[in-house]
Protein backbone atom coordinates (compact mmCIF):
# COMPACT_ATOMS: atom_id res chain seq x y z
CA MET A 1 0.00 0.00 0.00
CA LEU A 2 2.79 2.43 0.78
CA ASN A 3 4.47 1.93 -2.61
CA ILE A 4 7.48 0.09 -1.20
CA LYS A 5 9.47 -0.63 -4.34
CA TYR A 6 12.17 -2.87 -2.89
CA ILE A 7 12.35 -5.69 -0.38
CA ILE A 8 15.64 -6.25 1.43
CA GLN A 9 16.39 -9.96 1.73
CA ASP A 10 19.25 -11.81 3.39
CA ASN A 11 20.96 -14.06 0.84
CA LYS A 12 23.67 -16.12 2.58
CA GLY A 13 24.85 -13.19 4.71
CA GLN A 14 24.52 -10.62 1.91
CA LEU A 15 21.68 -8.14 1.91
CA VAL A 16 20.06 -7.99 -1.50
CA ALA A 17 17.45 -5.49 -2.73
CA LEU A 18 14.71 -7.17 -4.74
CA ASN A 19 11.89 -5.52 -6.66
CA ASN A 20 8.58 -5.76 -4.79
CA PRO A 21 6.15 -7.47 -7.19
CA TYR A 22 3.16 -6.57 -5.00
CA THR A 23 3.47 -2.78 -5.02
CA ASN A 24 0.38 -0.85 -6.07
CA GLY A 25 2.19 2.27 -7.25
CA ASN A 26 1.65 5.89 -6.21
CA ALA A 27 -2.13 5.68 -6.76
CA TRP A 28 -4.68 3.22 -8.12
CA PHE A 29 -8.40 2.84 -8.75
CA VAL A 30 -10.41 0.29 -6.77
CA ASP A 31 -13.69 -1.43 -7.64
CA GLU A 32 -15.13 -1.95 -4.17
CA LEU A 33 -15.22 -0.08 -0.89
CA LYS A 34 -15.85 -2.08 2.29
CA THR A 35 -17.16 -0.34 5.40
CA VAL A 36 -16.53 -1.23 9.05
CA ASN A 37 -17.58 0.27 12.40
CA THR A 38 -14.23 0.81 14.13
CA ALA A 39 -10.59 1.45 13.36
CA ASP A 40 -9.74 -1.96 14.88
CA GLU A 41 -12.07 -3.70 12.42
CA GLU A 42 -10.57 -1.64 9.61
CA ILE A 43 -7.01 -2.72 10.27
CA VAL A 44 -8.01 -6.38 10.75
CA LEU A 45 -9.93 -6.40 7.45
CA LEU A 46 -6.83 -5.15 5.58
CA ASP A 47 -5.29 -8.59 6.02
CA SER A 48 -7.95 -10.29 3.88
CA LEU A 49 -8.60 -7.65 1.20
CA ASN A 50 -7.30 -7.64 -2.35
CA LEU A 51 -5.82 -4.16 -1.95
CA LYS A 52 -5.46 -3.66 -5.71
CA LYS A 53 -9.24 -3.96 -6.14
CA GLN A 54 -10.73 -3.19 -2.71
CA ALA A 55 -10.42 -0.56 0.00
CA VAL A 56 -11.87 -0.17 3.49
CA VAL A 57 -13.20 2.83 5.43
CA GLN A 58 -15.06 3.37 8.67
CA LEU A 59 -18.85 3.45 8.40
CA GLY A 60 -20.19 6.92 7.76
CA ASP A 61 -17.20 8.13 5.76
CA ARG A 62 -18.68 7.05 2.40
CA GLU A 63 -22.11 6.15 1.10
CA ARG A 64 -21.17 4.64 -2.25
CA THR A 65 -19.40 1.28 -2.10
CA ASN A 66 -19.24 -0.04 -5.69
CA TYR A 67 -17.24 1.46 -8.53
CA LYS A 68 -16.41 0.28 -12.00
CA THR A 69 -12.86 0.64 -13.21
CA ASP A 70 -12.13 -0.09 -16.85
CA SER A 71 -8.92 -1.78 -17.95
CA LEU A 72 -7.62 1.44 -19.52
CA ALA A 73 -8.11 3.57 -16.39
CA SER A 74 -4.92 5.24 -15.30
CA ILE A 75 -3.65 7.53 -12.57
CA ASN A 76 -0.06 8.76 -12.65
CA LEU A 77 2.03 10.97 -10.41
CA THR A 78 3.43 13.70 -12.69
CA SER A 79 5.00 16.07 -10.15
CA TYR A 80 6.26 15.49 -6.63
CA LYS A 81 7.21 18.07 -4.02
CA PRO A 82 6.89 17.43 -0.28
CA ASN A 83 4.01 19.93 -0.07
CA HIS A 84 2.44 19.58 -3.54
CA LEU A 85 1.63 16.41 -5.49
CA VAL A 86 0.15 16.41 -9.00
CA TYR A 87 -1.59 13.42 -10.60
CA GLU A 88 -3.10 12.94 -14.07
CA THR A 89 -6.08 10.58 -14.29
CA SER A 90 -8.17 9.04 -17.02
CA ASN A 91 -11.18 6.80 -16.44
CA SER A 92 -14.31 6.17 -18.50
CA ASN A 93 -16.40 5.74 -15.30
CA ASP A 94 -16.70 7.51 -11.97
CA GLY A 95 -14.04 5.97 -9.76
CA LEU A 96 -12.43 5.79 -6.37
CA ALA A 97 -8.70 6.39 -6.21
CA ILE A 98 -6.46 5.35 -3.34
CA PHE A 99 -3.25 7.35 -2.96
CA SER A 100 -0.13 5.85 -1.44
CA GLU A 101 0.28 8.87 0.84
CA MET A 102 -0.43 9.22 4.55
CA TYR A 103 -3.78 10.79 5.36
CA TYR A 104 -3.61 13.90 7.55
CA LYS A 105 -6.93 15.48 8.42
CA ASN A 106 -5.62 19.02 8.83
CA GLY A 107 -3.54 20.73 6.22
CA TRP A 108 -3.80 18.67 3.03
CA ASN A 109 -6.35 19.80 0.43
CA ALA A 110 -7.33 17.93 -2.73
CA TYR A 111 -8.13 19.84 -5.92
CA VAL A 112 -9.63 18.18 -9.00
CA ASP A 113 -9.09 20.44 -12.01
CA GLY A 114 -8.56 23.36 -9.63
CA GLU A 115 -11.76 22.76 -7.62
CA LEU A 116 -11.46 21.84 -3.94
CA LYS A 117 -12.83 18.32 -3.30
CA PRO A 118 -13.11 16.39 -0.03
CA HIS A 119 -10.79 13.45 0.44
CA PHE A 120 -10.95 10.86 3.20
CA ARG A 121 -8.98 8.25 5.10
CA ALA A 122 -8.99 4.82 3.48
CA ASN A 123 -7.20 1.56 4.30
CA TYR A 124 -6.56 2.85 7.83
CA LEU A 125 -3.84 5.34 6.86
CA LEU A 126 -4.02 6.29 3.17
CA ARG A 127 -5.92 8.94 1.21
CA GLY A 128 -9.02 8.18 -0.82
CA LEU A 129 -10.73 10.45 -3.37
CA GLU A 130 -13.79 9.99 -5.55
CA ILE A 131 -13.03 11.08 -9.12
CA SER A 132 -15.64 11.63 -11.81
CA LYS A 133 -15.22 10.03 -15.22
CA GLY A 134 -12.95 11.64 -17.78
CA LYS A 135 -9.45 13.10 -17.71
CA HIS A 136 -8.49 15.15 -14.68
CA THR A 137 -5.58 16.82 -12.97
CA ILE A 138 -5.48 16.22 -9.22
CA ASP A 139 -3.44 18.43 -6.92
CA PHE A 140 -2.77 17.61 -3.28
CA LYS A 141 -1.47 20.75 -1.57
CA PHE A 142 -0.30 21.14 2.00
CA GLU A 143 -2.03 24.34 3.13
CA PRO A 144 -2.39 24.24 6.94
CA GLN A 145 -4.30 27.11 8.55
CA VAL A 146 -1.60 27.52 11.21
CA ILE A 147 0.91 28.56 8.51
CA LYS A 148 -1.48 31.21 7.17
CA THR A 149 -2.16 32.51 10.67
CA GLY A 150 1.55 32.54 11.53
CA SER A 151 2.39 34.39 8.32
CA SER A 152 -0.24 37.04 9.07
CA ILE A 153 1.11 37.52 12.59
CA ALA A 154 4.70 37.76 11.27
CA LEU A 155 3.65 40.33 8.65
CA ALA A 156 1.79 42.45 11.21
CA SER A 157 4.77 42.25 13.60
CA SER A 158 7.19 43.31 10.84
CA ILE A 159 5.01 46.28 9.90
CA GLY A 160 4.75 47.24 13.59
CA LEU A 161 8.53 47.04 13.98
CA ILE A 162 9.12 49.18 10.89
CA LEU A 163 6.63 51.78 12.16
CA LEU A 164 8.32 51.76 15.56
CA VAL A 165 11.77 52.30 14.00
CA LEU A 166 10.45 55.07 11.72
CA GLY A 167 8.73 56.71 14.71
CA GLY A 168 11.99 56.58 16.69
CA LEU A 169 13.94 58.09 13.80
CA PHE A 170 11.34 60.83 13.37
CA TYR A 171 11.48 61.62 17.10
CA GLU A 172 15.32 61.79 17.04
CA PHE A 173 15.28 63.96 13.91
CA LYS A 174 12.72 66.34 15.44
CA LYS A 175 14.70 66.45 18.72
CA LYS A 176 17.94 67.45 16.89
CA LYS A 177 16.09 70.05 14.84
CA LEU A 178 14.85 71.76 18.02
CA VAL A 179 18.34 71.98 19.51
């Protein structure tokens, strides 16, 4: 699920890196969404799912559970930065994509063709996103509110400091002019 490309194996005292034949890639479409009541049930169910075709979420996160993925459906990571991921998708049906990225409730926003869309936690720790049929560009951007608030406070503090310095210089200039 986490796109682990290599498996390290001990071969007669030598560590050897082997390609992982079971990796799902950076993102993939699934056909079925299973629902459970608790996080414990969710993690237990992961052991028996075909993760290339099925995903699991807690009850209440999603209403729709069946999707149809055609054999030509694709989703590819086209740009990677730690705070901005870009994917290109193509699917002839509405679909559910699972992204091999950790789900964080606060901070990450999903945009489909520039429009903010809700994403959710799937498979206990990954991101899931419903994508309508057609070709789309998906952007995941890290935009936490605390950064915006901190930047506003820093800007206001800088302006205040500049005004204070200018006020001090004006006072000193006026004081020397009077003498």
